[in-house]
Amino acid sequence: MIGALRIPLASLAICLSALPGLSAELVMVEQAGCAYCARWNAEIGPIYPKTSEGAYAPLRRVDLRGDEIETLTLERRVVFTPTFILVDDTDTELARLEGYPGEDFFWGLLEQMLQDKTGYTPAAANGG
């Protein structure tokens, strides 16, 4: 039975990998002592991975002063924390949100960013 599934599963993997907009990640650039980073962590952090946005664009945390930020292909230098950068599968910036405007505005801005720059469709529109 498992052998019979190998070819269909491999074909499915190839088809899915060819679809646009399936590989996005939300990079949160933060630094120690950032009050708005702490606020985001308290208000959004625990629920983000449980949302459709979090499933579509998983969160990766990067320290503003760390080496990992140098691996990203950015449109411009990050100055403010937190800065949320939507990147593709090559770590190239697609869009960014500088600062944390509060929970009420964050979700709408993130959804718009995902819709504008990827193949993301909101869960409510999908009946989810």
C-alpha atoms as a PDB file:
ATOM      1  CA  MET A   1       0.000   0.000   0.000  1.00  0.00           C
ATOM      2  CA  ILE A   2       2.759   2.470   0.915  1.00  0.00           C
ATOM      3  CA  GLY A   3       4.563   1.788  -2.368  1.00  0.00           C
ATOM      4  CA  ALA A   4       1.369   2.612  -4.263  1.00  0.00           C
ATOM      5  CA  LEU A   5       1.189   5.991  -2.513  1.00  0.00           C
ATOM      6  CA  ARG A   6       4.759   7.057  -3.310  1.00  0.00           C
ATOM      7  CA  ILE A   7       4.102   8.203  -6.869  1.00  0.00           C
ATOM      8  CA  PRO A   8       0.876  10.139  -6.122  1.00  0.00           C
ATOM      9  CA  LEU A   9       2.471  11.780  -3.063  1.00  0.00           C
ATOM     10  CA  ALA A  10       5.596  12.709  -5.012  1.00  0.00           C
ATOM     11  CA  SER A  11       3.444  14.155  -7.792  1.00  0.00           C
ATOM     12  CA  LEU A  12       1.439  16.161  -5.265  1.00  0.00           C
ATOM     13  CA  ALA A  13       4.629  17.549  -3.714  1.00  0.00           C
ATOM     14  CA  ILE A  14       5.931  18.619  -7.120  1.00  0.00           C
ATOM     15  CA  CYS A  15       2.625  20.275  -8.030  1.00  0.00           C
ATOM     16  CA  LEU A  16       2.406  22.137  -4.721  1.00  0.00           C
ATOM     17  CA  SER A  17       5.997  23.333  -4.931  1.00  0.00           C
ATOM     18  CA  ALA A  18       5.234  24.900  -8.317  1.00  0.00           C
ATOM     19  CA  LEU A  19       2.352  26.999  -6.982  1.00  0.00           C
ATOM     20  CA  PRO A  20       3.101  30.679  -6.341  1.00  0.00           C
ATOM     21  CA  GLY A  21       2.583  32.224  -2.930  1.00  0.00           C
ATOM     22  CA  LEU A  22       3.009  29.115  -0.835  1.00  0.00           C
ATOM     23  CA  SER A  23       6.336  30.017   0.767  1.00  0.00           C
ATOM     24  CA  ALA A  24       6.146  33.149   2.843  1.00  0.00           C
ATOM     25  CA  GLU A  25       7.542  33.911   6.248  1.00  0.00           C
ATOM     26  CA  LEU A  26       6.990  36.838   8.584  1.00  0.00           C
ATOM     27  CA  VAL A  27      10.274  38.004  10.059  1.00  0.00           C
ATOM     28  CA  MET A  28       9.956  39.991  13.276  1.00  0.00           C
ATOM     29  CA  VAL A  29      13.018  42.150  13.816  1.00  0.00           C
ATOM     30  CA  GLU A  30      13.291  42.940  17.508  1.00  0.00           C
ATOM     31  CA  GLN A  31      15.791  44.026  20.138  1.00  0.00           C
ATOM     32  CA  ALA A  32      16.187  43.801  23.893  1.00  0.00           C
ATOM     33  CA  GLY A  33      14.337  46.514  25.775  1.00  0.00           C
ATOM     34  CA  CYS A  34      11.821  47.191  22.990  1.00  0.00           C
ATOM     35  CA  ALA A  35       8.527  48.039  24.711  1.00  0.00           C
ATOM     36  CA  TYR A  36       6.447  47.572  21.560  1.00  0.00           C
ATOM     37  CA  CYS A  37       8.090  44.195  20.925  1.00  0.00           C
ATOM     38  CA  ALA A  38       7.054  43.166  24.446  1.00  0.00           C
ATOM     39  CA  ARG A  39       3.528  44.410  23.800  1.00  0.00           C
ATOM     40  CA  TRP A  40       3.316  42.425  20.525  1.00  0.00           C
ATOM     41  CA  ASN A  41       4.659  39.364  22.348  1.00  0.00           C
ATOM     42  CA  ALA A  42       1.931  39.699  24.983  1.00  0.00           C
ATOM     43  CA  GLU A  43      -0.994  40.524  22.683  1.00  0.00           C
ATOM     44  CA  ILE A  44      -0.247  38.646  19.463  1.00  0.00           C
ATOM     45  CA  GLY A  45       2.648  36.263  20.089  1.00  0.00           C
ATOM     46  CA  PRO A  46       0.710  33.412  21.733  1.00  0.00           C
ATOM     47  CA  ILE A  47      -2.085  33.342  19.140  1.00  0.00           C
ATOM     48  CA  TYR A  48      -0.166  34.142  15.940  1.00  0.00           C
ATOM     49  CA  PRO A  49       0.834  30.530  15.122  1.00  0.00           C
ATOM     50  CA  LYS A  50      -2.808  29.429  15.598  1.00  0.00           C
ATOM     51  CA  THR A  51      -4.184  31.848  12.989  1.00  0.00           C
ATOM     52  CA  SER A  52      -4.544  31.419   9.239  1.00  0.00           C
ATOM     53  CA  GLU A  53      -1.974  34.206   8.791  1.00  0.00           C
ATOM     54  CA  GLY A  54       0.449  32.390  11.081  1.00  0.00           C
ATOM     55  CA  ALA A  55      -0.048  29.126   9.237  1.00  0.00           C
ATOM     56  CA  TYR A  56       0.506  30.828   5.892  1.00  0.00           C
ATOM     57  CA  ALA A  57       3.483  32.977   6.969  1.00  0.00           C
ATOM     58  CA  PRO A  58       5.159  31.429  10.026  1.00  0.00           C
ATOM     59  CA  LEU A  59       7.006  33.792  12.335  1.00  0.00           C
ATOM     60  CA  ARG A  60      10.792  33.969  12.491  1.00  0.00           C
ATOM     61  CA  ARG A  61      12.404  36.227  15.073  1.00  0.00           C
ATOM     62  CA  VAL A  62      15.592  38.091  14.188  1.00  0.00           C
ATOM     63  CA  ASP A  63      17.610  40.309  16.507  1.00  0.00           C
ATOM     64  CA  LEU A  64      18.288  43.783  15.121  1.00  0.00           C
ATOM     65  CA  ARG A  65      21.924  43.581  16.257  1.00  0.00           C
ATOM     66  CA  GLY A  66      22.425  39.913  15.316  1.00  0.00           C
ATOM     67  CA  ASP A  67      24.113  38.322  12.316  1.00  0.00           C
ATOM     68  CA  GLU A  68      20.960  36.696  10.889  1.00  0.00           C
ATOM     69  CA  ILE A  69      19.578  40.030   9.676  1.00  0.00           C
ATOM     70  CA  GLU A  70      22.486  40.173   7.206  1.00  0.00           C
ATOM     71  CA  THR A  71      21.153  37.015   5.490  1.00  0.00           C
ATOM     72  CA  LEU A  72      17.960  38.829   4.432  1.00  0.00           C
ATOM     73  CA  THR A  73      17.693  40.707   1.141  1.00  0.00           C
ATOM     74  CA  LEU A  74      16.054  43.922   2.305  1.00  0.00           C
ATOM     75  CA  GLU A  75      14.773  46.972   0.441  1.00  0.00           C
ATOM     76  CA  ARG A  76      16.354  49.199   3.087  1.00  0.00           C
ATOM     77  CA  ARG A  77      17.982  48.963   6.489  1.00  0.00           C
ATOM     78  CA  VAL A  78      15.786  48.197   9.496  1.00  0.00           C
ATOM     79  CA  VAL A  79      15.716  51.152  11.892  1.00  0.00           C
ATOM     80  CA  PHE A  80      12.664  50.601  14.126  1.00  0.00           C
ATOM     81  CA  THR A  81      11.659  47.654  16.281  1.00  0.00           C
ATOM     82  CA  PRO A  82       9.564  45.802  15.937  1.00  0.00           C
ATOM     83  CA  THR A  83       9.660  45.672  12.175  1.00  0.00           C
ATOM     84  CA  PHE A  84       7.697  42.887  10.501  1.00  0.00           C
ATOM     85  CA  ILE A  85       9.129  41.863   7.138  1.00  0.00           C
ATOM     86  CA  LEU A  86       7.316  39.518   4.804  1.00  0.00           C
ATOM     87  CA  VAL A  87       9.914  37.455   2.937  1.00  0.00           C
ATOM     88  CA  ASP A  88       9.719  34.835   0.218  1.00  0.00           C
ATOM     89  CA  ASP A  89      11.495  31.472   0.148  1.00  0.00           C
ATOM     90  CA  THR A  90      14.774  33.178  -0.837  1.00  0.00           C
ATOM     91  CA  ASP A  91      14.594  35.543   2.177  1.00  0.00           C
ATOM     92  CA  THR A  92      13.872  38.492  -0.113  1.00  0.00           C
ATOM     93  CA  GLU A  93      11.676  41.240   1.281  1.00  0.00           C
ATOM     94  CA  LEU A  94       8.183  41.439  -0.177  1.00  0.00           C
ATOM     95  CA  ALA A  95       6.705  44.000   2.228  1.00  0.00           C
ATOM     96  CA  ARG A  96       7.197  45.440   5.685  1.00  0.00           C
ATOM     97  CA  LEU A  97       5.313  46.880   8.609  1.00  0.00           C
ATOM     98  CA  GLU A  98       7.371  49.181  10.814  1.00  0.00           C
ATOM     99  CA  GLY A  99       6.338  49.378  14.444  1.00  0.00           C
ATOM    100  CA  TYR A 100       3.403  47.784  16.223  1.00  0.00           C
ATOM    101  CA  PRO A 101       0.175  49.792  15.837  1.00  0.00           C
ATOM    102  CA  GLY A 102      -1.759  47.698  18.366  1.00  0.00           C
ATOM    103  CA  GLU A 103      -3.765  44.520  18.009  1.00  0.00           C
ATOM    104  CA  ASP A 104      -6.743  46.140  16.278  1.00  0.00           C
ATOM    105  CA  PHE A 105      -4.671  47.524  13.416  1.00  0.00           C
ATOM    106  CA  PHE A 106      -2.008  44.802  13.209  1.00  0.00           C
ATOM    107  CA  TRP A 107      -4.280  42.078  11.835  1.00  0.00           C
ATOM    108  CA  GLY A 108      -5.763  44.246   9.089  1.00  0.00           C
ATOM    109  CA  LEU A 109      -2.374  45.566   7.989  1.00  0.00           C
ATOM    110  CA  LEU A 110      -0.868  42.069   7.983  1.00  0.00           C
ATOM    111  CA  GLU A 111      -3.791  40.644   6.005  1.00  0.00           C
ATOM    112  CA  GLN A 112      -3.503  43.401   3.417  1.00  0.00           C
ATOM    113  CA  MET A 113       0.246  42.841   3.136  1.00  0.00           C
ATOM    114  CA  LEU A 114      -0.255  39.100   2.615  1.00  0.00           C
ATOM    115  CA  GLN A 115      -2.993  39.621   0.029  1.00  0.00           C
ATOM    116  CA  ASP A 116      -1.024  42.244  -1.899  1.00  0.00           C
ATOM    117  CA  LYS A 117       2.270  40.338  -2.025  1.00  0.00           C
ATOM    118  CA  THR A 118       1.375  36.633  -1.940  1.00  0.00           C
ATOM    119  CA  GLY A 119      -1.419  34.259  -2.896  1.00  0.00           C
ATOM    120  CA  TYR A 120      -2.964  34.518   0.587  1.00  0.00           C
ATOM    121  CA  THR A 121      -6.754  34.440   0.876  1.00  0.00           C
ATOM    122  CA  PRO A 122      -8.315  35.306   4.243  1.00  0.00           C
ATOM    123  CA  ALA A 123      -9.938  32.421   6.125  1.00  0.00           C
ATOM    124  CA  ALA A 124     -13.312  34.210   6.286  1.00  0.00           C
ATOM    125  CA  ALA A 125     -13.414  34.415   2.494  1.00  0.00           C
ATOM    126  CA  ASN A 126     -12.713  30.684   2.345  1.00  0.00           C
ATOM    127  CA  GLY A 127     -15.552  29.879   4.729  1.00  0.00           C
ATOM    128  CA  GLY A 128     -12.945  28.997   7.403  1.00  0.00           C
END
